[in-house]
Amino acid sequence: MEHKDTITIDDLARIVQNGFLKIDEQFNVLGADVAELKTDVSELKTDVAELKRTVDTIEANLNKKVDKIEYNTLEYRVERLEKASAV
């Protein structure tokens, strides 16, 4: 004859409670991970905004530089024309 272990209601309650505790621990870990991801995304948003401002500044400076080069080129051409017409 086989001897089977019997499970009492208290044993079953402990098993279920332990299962719920493990699930609760997993949710706590997941919650911490989600909070960390939110922080990381927030930092990335800040970094991207700063990069956009930097790119805008670089573009503005580049446009000024191009305008300066065009100005110098035109100024040089005008000087040459003035010298040629004075002769």
N, C-alpha and C. Protein backbone atom coordinates (compact mmCIF):
# COMPACT_ATOMS: atom_id res chain seq x y z
N MET A 1 0.82 -1.15 0.00
CA MET A 1 0.00 0.00 0.00
C MET A 1 0.90 1.25 0.00
N GLU A 2 0.51 2.24 -0.82
CA GLU A 2 1.30 3.46 -0.90
C GLU A 2 0.85 4.43 0.17
N HIS A 3 1.84 5.13 0.68
CA HIS A 3 1.54 6.15 1.67
C HIS A 3 1.57 7.50 0.96
N LYS A 4 0.46 8.20 0.90
CA LYS A 4 0.39 9.51 0.26
C LYS A 4 0.38 10.58 1.33
N ASP A 5 1.17 11.63 1.06
CA ASP A 5 1.15 12.77 1.99
C ASP A 5 -0.16 13.50 1.81
N THR A 6 -0.72 13.88 2.86
CA THR A 6 -1.95 14.65 2.78
C THR A 6 -1.63 16.11 3.00
N ILE A 7 -2.32 16.94 2.25
CA ILE A 7 -2.12 18.38 2.36
C ILE A 7 -3.34 18.94 3.08
N THR A 8 -3.03 19.69 4.10
CA THR A 8 -4.13 20.30 4.86
C THR A 8 -4.48 21.64 4.24
N ILE A 9 -5.56 22.19 4.67
CA ILE A 9 -5.99 23.52 4.21
C ILE A 9 -4.93 24.54 4.59
N ASP A 10 -4.34 24.40 5.76
CA ASP A 10 -3.28 25.33 6.18
C ASP A 10 -2.07 25.22 5.26
N ASP A 11 -1.71 24.00 4.88
CA ASP A 11 -0.59 23.81 3.95
C ASP A 11 -0.89 24.49 2.61
N LEU A 12 -2.07 24.26 2.11
CA LEU A 12 -2.49 24.86 0.85
C LEU A 12 -2.49 26.39 0.95
N ALA A 13 -2.94 26.92 2.06
CA ALA A 13 -2.95 28.38 2.27
C ALA A 13 -1.53 28.93 2.25
N ARG A 14 -0.58 28.21 2.88
CA ARG A 14 0.82 28.64 2.89
C ARG A 14 1.41 28.61 1.48
N ILE A 15 1.08 27.57 0.72
CA ILE A 15 1.58 27.46 -0.66
C ILE A 15 1.06 28.62 -1.51
N VAL A 16 -0.22 28.89 -1.39
CA VAL A 16 -0.81 30.00 -2.15
C VAL A 16 -0.21 31.33 -1.71
N GLN A 17 -0.05 31.51 -0.41
CA GLN A 17 0.52 32.76 0.10
C GLN A 17 1.95 32.94 -0.41
N ASN A 18 2.75 31.88 -0.38
CA ASN A 18 4.12 31.96 -0.90
C ASN A 18 4.13 32.32 -2.38
N GLY A 19 3.19 31.75 -3.12
CA GLY A 19 3.09 32.09 -4.55
C GLY A 19 2.79 33.57 -4.75
N PHE A 20 1.83 34.08 -3.96
CA PHE A 20 1.49 35.50 -4.06
C PHE A 20 2.66 36.38 -3.63
N LEU A 21 3.42 35.97 -2.63
CA LEU A 21 4.58 36.75 -2.19
C LEU A 21 5.64 36.81 -3.29
N LYS A 22 5.84 35.69 -3.98
CA LYS A 22 6.81 35.68 -5.07
C LYS A 22 6.35 36.58 -6.21
N ILE A 23 5.07 36.54 -6.52
CA ILE A 23 4.53 37.43 -7.57
C ILE A 23 4.69 38.88 -7.14
N ASP A 24 4.43 39.18 -5.88
CA ASP A 24 4.57 40.54 -5.37
C ASP A 24 6.02 41.01 -5.50
N GLU A 25 6.98 40.15 -5.19
CA GLU A 25 8.40 40.49 -5.34
C GLU A 25 8.72 40.80 -6.79
N GLN A 26 8.19 39.99 -7.70
CA GLN A 26 8.45 40.21 -9.12
C GLN A 26 7.87 41.55 -9.58
N PHE A 27 6.67 41.89 -9.09
CA PHE A 27 6.09 43.18 -9.44
C PHE A 27 6.91 44.34 -8.88
N ASN A 28 7.45 44.16 -7.67
CA ASN A 28 8.30 45.20 -7.10
C ASN A 28 9.55 45.42 -7.94
N VAL A 29 10.15 44.32 -8.39
CA VAL A 29 11.34 44.43 -9.25
C VAL A 29 10.97 45.10 -10.56
N LEU A 30 9.85 44.67 -11.13
CA LEU A 30 9.39 45.26 -12.39
C LEU A 30 9.10 46.74 -12.20
N GLY A 31 8.47 47.09 -11.10
CA GLY A 31 8.17 48.50 -10.82
C GLY A 31 9.44 49.34 -10.72
N ALA A 32 10.46 48.78 -10.07
CA ALA A 32 11.74 49.49 -9.96
C ALA A 32 12.37 49.65 -11.34
N ASP A 33 12.29 48.61 -12.17
CA ASP A 33 12.84 48.69 -13.52
C ASP A 33 12.12 49.75 -14.35
N VAL A 34 10.81 49.80 -14.23
CA VAL A 34 10.02 50.79 -14.97
C VAL A 34 10.38 52.20 -14.49
N ALA A 35 10.54 52.38 -13.21
CA ALA A 35 10.91 53.69 -12.68
C ALA A 35 12.29 54.11 -13.21
N GLU A 36 13.21 53.17 -13.26
CA GLU A 36 14.55 53.47 -13.77
C GLU A 36 14.48 53.82 -15.26
N LEU A 37 13.65 53.10 -16.02
CA LEU A 37 13.49 53.40 -17.44
C LEU A 37 12.90 54.79 -17.64
N LYS A 38 11.93 55.16 -16.80
CA LYS A 38 11.34 56.50 -16.90
C LYS A 38 12.39 57.57 -16.67
N THR A 39 13.24 57.35 -15.68
CA THR A 39 14.32 58.30 -15.39
C THR A 39 15.27 58.40 -16.58
N ASP A 40 15.64 57.24 -17.13
CA ASP A 40 16.54 57.23 -18.28
C ASP A 40 15.93 57.96 -19.48
N VAL A 41 14.65 57.73 -19.74
CA VAL A 41 13.99 58.38 -20.87
C VAL A 41 13.93 59.88 -20.63
N SER A 42 13.67 60.29 -19.42
CA SER A 42 13.63 61.71 -19.09
C SER A 42 14.99 62.36 -19.34
N GLU A 43 16.06 61.68 -18.92
CA GLU A 43 17.40 62.19 -19.15
C GLU A 43 17.71 62.26 -20.65
N LEU A 44 17.28 61.25 -21.40
CA LEU A 44 17.49 61.26 -22.85
C LEU A 44 16.75 62.42 -23.51
N LYS A 45 15.54 62.70 -23.05
CA LYS A 45 14.79 63.83 -23.59
C LYS A 45 15.54 65.13 -23.36
N THR A 46 16.08 65.28 -22.16
CA THR A 46 16.86 66.48 -21.84
C THR A 46 18.09 66.58 -22.73
N ASP A 47 18.78 65.45 -22.90
CA ASP A 47 19.98 65.43 -23.74
C ASP A 47 19.65 65.76 -25.19
N VAL A 48 18.55 65.21 -25.71
CA VAL A 48 18.15 65.47 -27.08
C VAL A 48 17.79 66.95 -27.26
N ALA A 49 17.10 67.51 -26.30
CA ALA A 49 16.75 68.93 -26.37
C ALA A 49 18.01 69.79 -26.41
N GLU A 50 19.00 69.44 -25.60
CA GLU A 50 20.27 70.17 -25.59
C GLU A 50 20.98 70.01 -26.93
N LEU A 51 20.96 68.81 -27.48
CA LEU A 51 21.58 68.58 -28.80
C LEU A 51 20.90 69.41 -29.87
N LYS A 52 19.58 69.50 -29.82
CA LYS A 52 18.86 70.32 -30.80
C LYS A 52 19.27 71.78 -30.69
N ARG A 53 19.38 72.28 -29.45
CA ARG A 53 19.82 73.67 -29.27
C ARG A 53 21.23 73.87 -29.80
N THR A 54 22.09 72.90 -29.56
CA THR A 54 23.47 73.00 -30.04
C THR A 54 23.52 72.99 -31.56
N VAL A 55 22.75 72.11 -32.18
CA VAL A 55 22.71 72.05 -33.64
C VAL A 55 22.17 73.36 -34.21
N ASP A 56 21.13 73.91 -33.58
CA ASP A 56 20.60 75.19 -34.04
C ASP A 56 21.66 76.28 -33.97
N THR A 57 22.42 76.30 -32.89
CA THR A 57 23.49 77.29 -32.73
C THR A 57 24.56 77.10 -33.79
N ILE A 58 24.94 75.84 -34.03
CA ILE A 58 25.96 75.55 -35.05
C ILE A 58 25.47 75.99 -36.42
N GLU A 59 24.19 75.69 -36.73
CA GLU A 59 23.65 76.09 -38.02
C GLU A 59 23.64 77.61 -38.16
N ALA A 60 23.26 78.30 -37.10
CA ALA A 60 23.23 79.77 -37.15
C ALA A 60 24.64 80.32 -37.36
N ASN A 61 25.60 79.76 -36.63
CA ASN A 61 26.99 80.21 -36.79
C ASN A 61 27.52 79.89 -38.18
N LEU A 62 27.15 78.74 -38.70
CA LEU A 62 27.58 78.36 -40.04
C LEU A 62 27.00 79.31 -41.07
N ASN A 63 25.72 79.65 -40.91
CA ASN A 63 25.11 80.60 -41.83
C ASN A 63 25.81 81.96 -41.76
N LYS A 64 26.17 82.39 -40.56
CA LYS A 64 26.89 83.65 -40.42
C LYS A 64 28.24 83.56 -41.11
N LYS A 65 28.90 82.41 -40.95
CA LYS A 65 30.22 82.22 -41.55
C LYS A 65 30.10 82.27 -43.07
N VAL A 66 29.11 81.60 -43.62
CA VAL A 66 28.92 81.61 -45.06
C VAL A 66 28.65 83.03 -45.53
N ASP A 67 27.81 83.75 -44.81
CA ASP A 67 27.53 85.13 -45.18
C ASP A 67 28.81 85.97 -45.11
N LYS A 68 29.64 85.74 -44.13
CA LYS A 68 30.89 86.48 -43.98
C LYS A 68 31.81 86.20 -45.17
N ILE A 69 31.88 84.95 -45.57
CA ILE A 69 32.73 84.59 -46.72
C ILE A 69 32.20 85.26 -47.99
N GLU A 70 30.88 85.20 -48.18
CA GLU A 70 30.29 85.87 -49.34
C GLU A 70 30.58 87.36 -49.31
N TYR A 71 30.45 87.96 -48.15
CA TYR A 71 30.71 89.39 -48.00
C TYR A 71 32.16 89.71 -48.37
N ASN A 72 33.09 88.94 -47.84
CA ASN A 72 34.50 89.19 -48.13
C ASN A 72 34.80 89.02 -49.62
N THR A 73 34.19 88.02 -50.22
CA THR A 73 34.40 87.79 -51.65
C THR A 73 33.88 88.97 -52.46
N LEU A 74 32.69 89.42 -52.14
CA LEU A 74 32.12 90.56 -52.86
C LEU A 74 32.92 91.83 -52.62
N GLU A 75 33.37 92.02 -51.39
CA GLU A 75 34.18 93.20 -51.08
C GLU A 75 35.47 93.19 -51.90
N TYR A 76 36.09 92.04 -52.02
CA TYR A 76 37.33 91.91 -52.81
C TYR A 76 37.05 92.22 -54.27
N ARG A 77 35.94 91.72 -54.79
CA ARG A 77 35.60 91.97 -56.19
C ARG A 77 35.35 93.46 -56.45
N VAL A 78 34.67 94.10 -55.50
CA VAL A 78 34.40 95.54 -55.64
C VAL A 78 35.71 96.33 -55.62
N GLU A 79 36.62 95.97 -54.72
CA GLU A 79 37.92 96.65 -54.66
C GLU A 79 38.66 96.50 -55.98
N ARG A 80 38.63 95.30 -56.55
CA ARG A 80 39.31 95.08 -57.84
C ARG A 80 38.67 95.91 -58.93
N LEU A 81 37.34 95.96 -58.94
CA LEU A 81 36.65 96.78 -59.96
C LEU A 81 36.96 98.26 -59.80
N GLU A 82 37.01 98.73 -58.54
CA GLU A 82 37.34 100.13 -58.30
C GLU A 82 38.76 100.45 -58.77
N LYS A 83 39.68 99.56 -58.50
CA LYS A 83 41.07 99.79 -58.94
C LYS A 83 41.16 99.76 -60.47
N ALA A 84 40.41 98.85 -61.08
CA ALA A 84 40.44 98.76 -62.56
C ALA A 84 39.82 99.99 -63.20
N SER A 85 38.78 100.54 -62.59
CA SER A 85 38.13 101.71 -63.19
C SER A 85 38.94 102.98 -62.94
N ALA A 86 39.80 102.98 -61.94
CA ALA A 86 40.62 104.16 -61.63
C ALA A 86 41.78 104.28 -62.61
N VAL A 87 42.12 103.25 -63.29
CA VAL A 87 43.27 103.26 -64.20
C VAL A 87 42.94 103.91 -65.47
